[in-house]
Amino acid sequence: MCRWIAYSGPPIYLEQLMVRPENSLIEQSRDAHKSKSAINADGFGIGWYDSQPQPGLFRDVYPAWNDENLLNVCQQIKARLFFGHVRASTGSAINRANCHPFRHNGHLFMHNGQIGGFDKLRRDLAMSIRPEFYSRLQGTTDSEILFFLAMGNGLTDDPERALALTIGQILDVMAAHNITEALRITAALSDGRNILAIRYANDDFPPSLFYGTEIQSDTGADLPTDKNRACLILSEPLDEIAGSWAQVPPSSLLLARDGHVEVKPFSPLH
């Protein structure tokens, strides 16, 4: 399973969350605490929003802990909203096109989890992508297919409904193929203003997901306080300081807007 973080708030250097904390995302790439796989060495990616309408994107196939370019970039880039992801492949190839986040126009998307029986479903799911988005498909992951299915289901206009329709669509295809393996997912989406995240599984084992809005740490990675409208959503906490983190319940959708967090139930639409 992969690990990821999503930040929104006053501009900060990416290294404050990617590098400095005791359980930073780069540390999680070699020793994750709440993941099925402790090692997430099959590539990494960062995406960030600045003054351009399209977000910046930097992805590569090396282990995050061993990439000097990533450390240098995180030291220099300051952003008001950014995504970070370290990958543990569930079977697809290790190449740059399969690394997260994925980008389409002004949107970023990243994912942790798996679609059960994906090898048997890949063709049907890919052919369900609307033609105007199918041409943008570059890699072979279930994550990228999920993203472009959601784009075709109206992600730009109504992201909550689009994600619910997409999960329902995937579950229907799984049922048609008699797939008994689980669908497990945490995912984050941004349009450059808001962050939407979901935690869902059709069994009792959804991947972990947490958030924090007022995080105090002795690692030099303090976030701005809640009054400054900062929010961090992440696969696992960056430290063990009590009160910093809240767990997102299973079958939930989280919306972070202007530092305010709303968590509500999430269920697929069929």
Foldseek 3Di string as FASTA:
>chain_A
DKKKKKKAFAWDQQCLQQPQFPQHNLVQCQANDQDPDSHQFQKKKKWADDPDQAIDIDIFGGRSNPDPVNVVRSRPDIGRIMMIMGHDDPDFDRGRLPYDFDTDRQKTKDKDWAQFPCVVCQVVLLVLQDPVQSVVRDGRGPRSSLVRQLVVQPCPNDVQQSNLQSVVVSVVSCVVVVGPDKTAMWMWMDSNFKIKIAGEMPDDDHQWKKKFLFDDDPRSSGDDHLVRQMMMIIRDDSDDDPPGIDTQDYQWMWMRGSNDIDIDGHHHDD
